[in-house]
N, C-alpha and C. Protein backbone atom coordinates (compact mmCIF):
# COMPACT_ATOMS: atom_id res chain seq x y z
N UNK A 1 -191.33 70.00 44.87
CA UNK A 1 -191.84 68.93 43.88
C UNK A 1 -190.89 68.93 42.69
N UNK A 2 -190.50 67.76 42.29
CA UNK A 2 -189.57 67.61 41.19
C UNK A 2 -190.43 67.27 40.01
N UNK A 3 -190.20 67.97 38.89
CA UNK A 3 -191.02 67.61 37.64
C UNK A 3 -190.08 66.55 36.93
N UNK A 4 -190.79 65.49 36.36
CA UNK A 4 -190.10 64.43 35.65
C UNK A 4 -189.47 65.09 34.39
N UNK A 5 -188.43 64.48 33.90
CA UNK A 5 -187.68 64.99 32.78
C UNK A 5 -188.24 64.16 31.57
N UNK A 6 -188.47 64.83 30.46
CA UNK A 6 -189.15 64.29 29.33
C UNK A 6 -188.29 64.52 28.07
N UNK A 7 -188.50 63.63 27.10
CA UNK A 7 -187.72 63.68 25.80
C UNK A 7 -188.24 65.06 25.18
N UNK A 8 -187.36 65.75 24.40
CA UNK A 8 -187.75 66.93 23.85
C UNK A 8 -187.94 66.89 22.31
N UNK A 9 -188.38 65.81 21.78
CA UNK A 9 -188.60 65.70 20.36
C UNK A 9 -189.88 66.33 20.01
N UNK A 10 -189.96 66.87 18.81
CA UNK A 10 -191.21 67.57 18.26
C UNK A 10 -191.62 66.76 17.10
N UNK A 11 -192.94 66.40 17.08
CA UNK A 11 -193.52 65.62 15.95
C UNK A 11 -193.62 66.57 14.78
N UNK A 12 -193.25 66.00 13.59
CA UNK A 12 -193.15 66.75 12.30
C UNK A 12 -194.52 67.48 11.95
N UNK A 13 -195.58 67.10 12.36
CA UNK A 13 -196.91 67.61 12.09
C UNK A 13 -197.20 68.84 12.96
N UNK A 14 -196.41 69.11 13.99
CA UNK A 14 -196.81 70.08 14.98
C UNK A 14 -196.83 71.50 14.31
N UNK A 15 -195.98 71.85 13.64
CA UNK A 15 -195.87 73.29 12.90
C UNK A 15 -197.16 73.47 12.09
N UNK A 16 -197.54 72.44 11.18
CA UNK A 16 -198.76 72.52 10.50
C UNK A 16 -199.99 72.75 11.31
N UNK A 17 -200.11 71.98 12.45
CA UNK A 17 -201.27 72.12 13.31
C UNK A 17 -201.23 73.48 13.95
N UNK A 18 -200.13 73.87 14.45
CA UNK A 18 -200.08 75.23 15.16
C UNK A 18 -200.37 76.34 14.10
N UNK A 19 -199.85 76.36 12.85
CA UNK A 19 -200.18 77.35 11.90
C UNK A 19 -201.74 77.37 11.56
N UNK A 20 -202.35 76.17 11.47
CA UNK A 20 -203.81 76.08 11.17
C UNK A 20 -204.63 76.56 12.34
N UNK A 21 -204.20 76.37 13.61
CA UNK A 21 -204.90 76.94 14.66
C UNK A 21 -204.84 78.33 14.76
N UNK A 22 -203.63 79.00 14.59
CA UNK A 22 -203.40 80.42 14.54
C UNK A 22 -204.22 81.08 13.42
N UNK A 23 -204.44 80.29 12.26
CA UNK A 23 -205.17 80.93 11.14
C UNK A 23 -206.51 81.05 11.50
N UNK A 24 -207.20 80.29 12.39
CA UNK A 24 -208.54 80.42 12.70
C UNK A 24 -208.69 81.41 14.05
N UNK A 25 -207.58 81.92 14.47
CA UNK A 25 -207.74 82.91 15.62
C UNK A 25 -207.40 82.38 17.02
N UNK A 26 -206.76 81.20 17.03
CA UNK A 26 -206.35 80.58 18.31
C UNK A 26 -205.14 81.22 18.91
N UNK A 27 -204.98 81.33 20.14
CA UNK A 27 -203.72 81.48 20.83
C UNK A 27 -203.04 80.17 20.98
N UNK A 28 -201.74 80.06 20.69
CA UNK A 28 -201.17 78.82 20.87
C UNK A 28 -199.79 78.94 21.54
N UNK A 29 -199.57 78.23 22.55
CA UNK A 29 -198.41 78.30 23.30
C UNK A 29 -197.69 76.86 23.20
N UNK A 30 -196.52 76.79 22.75
CA UNK A 30 -195.78 75.51 22.63
C UNK A 30 -195.18 75.28 23.99
N UNK A 31 -195.69 74.24 24.64
CA UNK A 31 -195.09 73.91 26.08
C UNK A 31 -193.96 72.89 25.85
N UNK A 32 -194.21 71.84 25.12
CA UNK A 32 -193.24 70.72 24.88
C UNK A 32 -193.46 69.61 25.72
N UNK A 33 -193.21 69.74 26.99
CA UNK A 33 -193.43 68.65 27.88
C UNK A 33 -193.95 69.17 29.22
N UNK A 34 -194.83 68.57 29.96
CA UNK A 34 -195.32 67.24 29.62
C UNK A 34 -196.35 67.11 28.51
N UNK A 35 -196.80 68.27 28.09
CA UNK A 35 -197.77 68.17 26.98
C UNK A 35 -197.40 69.20 25.87
N UNK A 36 -197.72 68.95 24.55
CA UNK A 36 -197.13 69.78 23.61
C UNK A 36 -197.77 71.17 23.44
N UNK A 37 -199.10 71.33 23.46
CA UNK A 37 -199.56 72.71 23.24
C UNK A 37 -200.66 73.09 24.31
N UNK A 38 -200.68 74.35 24.58
CA UNK A 38 -201.78 74.96 25.27
C UNK A 38 -202.38 75.94 24.34
N UNK A 39 -203.71 75.62 23.98
CA UNK A 39 -204.43 76.46 23.03
C UNK A 39 -205.65 77.21 23.63
N UNK A 40 -205.77 78.45 23.28
CA UNK A 40 -207.00 79.30 23.81
C UNK A 40 -207.67 79.71 22.59
N UNK A 41 -209.15 79.42 22.71
CA UNK A 41 -210.00 79.78 21.68
C UNK A 41 -211.35 79.97 22.17
N UNK A 42 -211.89 81.17 21.96
CA UNK A 42 -213.25 81.58 22.41
C UNK A 42 -213.44 81.44 23.91
N UNK A 43 -212.47 81.96 24.67
CA UNK A 43 -212.47 81.82 26.17
C UNK A 43 -212.39 80.39 26.71
N UNK A 44 -211.82 79.50 25.94
CA UNK A 44 -211.72 78.18 26.41
C UNK A 44 -210.25 77.72 26.18
N UNK A 45 -209.71 76.97 27.09
CA UNK A 45 -208.32 76.36 27.05
C UNK A 45 -208.31 74.88 26.81
N UNK A 46 -207.31 74.52 26.01
CA UNK A 46 -207.15 73.14 25.64
C UNK A 46 -205.75 72.67 25.81
N UNK A 47 -205.56 71.57 26.45
CA UNK A 47 -204.18 70.82 26.45
C UNK A 47 -204.24 69.78 25.34
N UNK A 48 -203.23 69.81 24.43
CA UNK A 48 -203.27 69.03 23.30
C UNK A 48 -201.82 68.38 23.16
N UNK A 49 -201.82 67.06 23.08
CA UNK A 49 -200.72 66.33 22.63
C UNK A 49 -200.65 65.96 21.22
N UNK A 50 -199.62 66.29 20.46
CA UNK A 50 -199.48 66.09 19.03
C UNK A 50 -198.77 64.75 18.81
N UNK A 51 -199.46 63.83 18.11
CA UNK A 51 -198.84 62.60 17.69
C UNK A 51 -198.90 62.51 16.18
N UNK A 52 -197.89 61.83 15.57
CA UNK A 52 -197.91 61.57 14.17
C UNK A 52 -198.93 60.46 13.92
N UNK A 53 -199.56 60.58 12.70
CA UNK A 53 -200.50 59.47 12.29
C UNK A 53 -199.75 58.12 12.28
N UNK A 54 -200.26 57.19 12.89
CA UNK A 54 -199.69 55.87 12.89
C UNK A 54 -198.36 55.65 13.79
N UNK A 55 -198.07 56.68 14.49
CA UNK A 55 -196.83 56.63 15.40
C UNK A 55 -197.04 55.55 16.57
N UNK A 56 -196.07 54.83 16.75
CA UNK A 56 -196.15 53.95 17.94
C UNK A 56 -195.52 54.52 19.10
N UNK A 57 -196.01 54.23 20.29
CA UNK A 57 -195.46 54.81 21.52
C UNK A 57 -193.99 54.40 21.66
N UNK A 58 -193.11 55.38 22.12
CA UNK A 58 -191.72 55.00 22.30
C UNK A 58 -191.50 54.82 23.77
N UNK A 59 -190.49 54.05 24.09
CA UNK A 59 -190.21 53.65 25.49
C UNK A 59 -189.80 55.06 26.22
N UNK A 60 -189.25 55.95 25.66
CA UNK A 60 -188.83 57.18 26.38
C UNK A 60 -190.08 58.01 26.72
N UNK A 61 -191.22 57.67 26.23
CA UNK A 61 -192.38 58.52 26.46
C UNK A 61 -193.27 57.94 27.66
N UNK A 62 -192.74 56.93 28.42
CA UNK A 62 -193.50 56.34 29.50
C UNK A 62 -193.80 57.42 30.63
N UNK A 63 -192.88 58.35 30.90
CA UNK A 63 -193.21 59.37 31.92
C UNK A 63 -194.31 60.28 31.47
N UNK A 64 -194.22 60.55 30.12
CA UNK A 64 -195.45 61.42 29.62
C UNK A 64 -196.69 60.65 29.59
N UNK A 65 -196.75 59.45 29.33
CA UNK A 65 -197.95 58.69 29.34
C UNK A 65 -198.48 58.55 30.76
N UNK A 66 -197.67 58.31 31.77
CA UNK A 66 -197.91 58.37 33.16
C UNK A 66 -198.57 59.64 33.61
N UNK A 67 -197.98 60.80 33.14
CA UNK A 67 -198.44 62.11 33.49
C UNK A 67 -199.93 62.29 32.89
N UNK A 68 -200.05 61.91 31.69
CA UNK A 68 -201.34 62.11 30.94
C UNK A 68 -202.40 61.26 31.80
N UNK A 69 -202.05 60.03 32.15
CA UNK A 69 -203.00 59.14 32.77
C UNK A 69 -203.39 59.71 34.19
N UNK A 70 -202.53 60.43 34.84
CA UNK A 70 -202.74 60.92 36.11
C UNK A 70 -203.34 62.33 36.24
N UNK A 71 -203.23 63.13 35.15
CA UNK A 71 -203.80 64.43 35.00
C UNK A 71 -205.36 64.36 35.23
N UNK A 72 -205.80 65.34 36.10
CA UNK A 72 -207.25 65.34 36.50
C UNK A 72 -208.08 66.19 35.64
N UNK A 73 -207.53 66.87 34.63
CA UNK A 73 -208.26 67.62 33.61
C UNK A 73 -208.29 66.93 32.28
N UNK A 74 -208.83 67.67 31.34
CA UNK A 74 -208.97 67.20 29.96
C UNK A 74 -207.69 67.25 29.18
N UNK A 75 -207.28 66.24 28.43
CA UNK A 75 -206.20 66.26 27.45
C UNK A 75 -206.66 65.61 26.16
N UNK A 76 -206.44 66.15 25.02
CA UNK A 76 -206.65 65.54 23.83
C UNK A 76 -205.45 65.31 23.00
N UNK A 77 -205.51 64.26 22.10
CA UNK A 77 -204.47 63.97 21.29
C UNK A 77 -204.98 64.19 19.84
N UNK A 78 -204.10 64.97 19.12
CA UNK A 78 -204.52 65.28 17.75
C UNK A 78 -203.35 64.93 16.88
N UNK A 79 -203.59 64.42 15.68
CA UNK A 79 -202.60 64.07 14.69
C UNK A 79 -202.59 64.89 13.50
N UNK A 80 -203.77 65.60 13.20
CA UNK A 80 -203.87 66.42 12.03
C UNK A 80 -204.38 67.86 12.46
N UNK A 81 -204.26 68.78 11.64
CA UNK A 81 -204.80 70.12 11.77
C UNK A 81 -206.32 70.01 11.77
N UNK A 82 -206.85 69.17 11.03
CA UNK A 82 -208.39 69.10 11.01
C UNK A 82 -208.82 68.61 12.37
N UNK A 83 -208.20 67.66 12.94
CA UNK A 83 -208.61 67.22 14.27
C UNK A 83 -208.52 68.34 15.21
N UNK A 84 -207.45 69.04 15.25
CA UNK A 84 -207.22 70.20 16.20
C UNK A 84 -208.29 71.29 16.01
N UNK A 85 -208.62 71.65 14.77
CA UNK A 85 -209.67 72.56 14.51
C UNK A 85 -211.04 72.19 14.98
N UNK A 86 -211.31 70.88 14.64
CA UNK A 86 -212.62 70.30 15.03
C UNK A 86 -212.65 70.42 16.66
N UNK A 87 -211.51 70.14 17.33
CA UNK A 87 -211.59 70.18 18.77
C UNK A 87 -212.01 71.51 19.37
N UNK A 88 -211.23 72.53 18.80
CA UNK A 88 -211.47 73.87 19.36
C UNK A 88 -212.78 74.45 18.96
N UNK A 89 -213.33 74.05 17.82
CA UNK A 89 -214.71 74.60 17.25
C UNK A 89 -215.78 73.67 17.80
N UNK A 90 -215.46 72.81 18.77
CA UNK A 90 -216.48 71.96 19.44
C UNK A 90 -217.17 70.96 18.56
N UNK A 91 -216.58 70.61 17.53
CA UNK A 91 -217.27 69.53 16.71
C UNK A 91 -216.34 68.25 16.59
N UNK A 92 -215.38 68.23 17.60
CA UNK A 92 -214.59 67.00 17.76
C UNK A 92 -215.28 65.83 18.20
N UNK A 93 -215.06 64.66 17.53
CA UNK A 93 -215.71 63.44 17.83
C UNK A 93 -214.67 62.47 18.30
């Protein structure tokens, strides 16, 4: 199986989000592609894609969008540390 190649850019808000998650006790692994973060918290795992607030999809992200559409598990998109914290503390809406 050949994994598709993805653009390796990192959203500017990712460090802030990772730091906030670690501050509340999360394990955070930066994957990069096809998804940004693998988060562990209270015996649960989360796949999270980080997007900048107001960012428009780029053409070089089509492979990633296709992967996310075809993934059979849960994926969340977060733009702020507050969203990410709400996600793992189960109050995400």
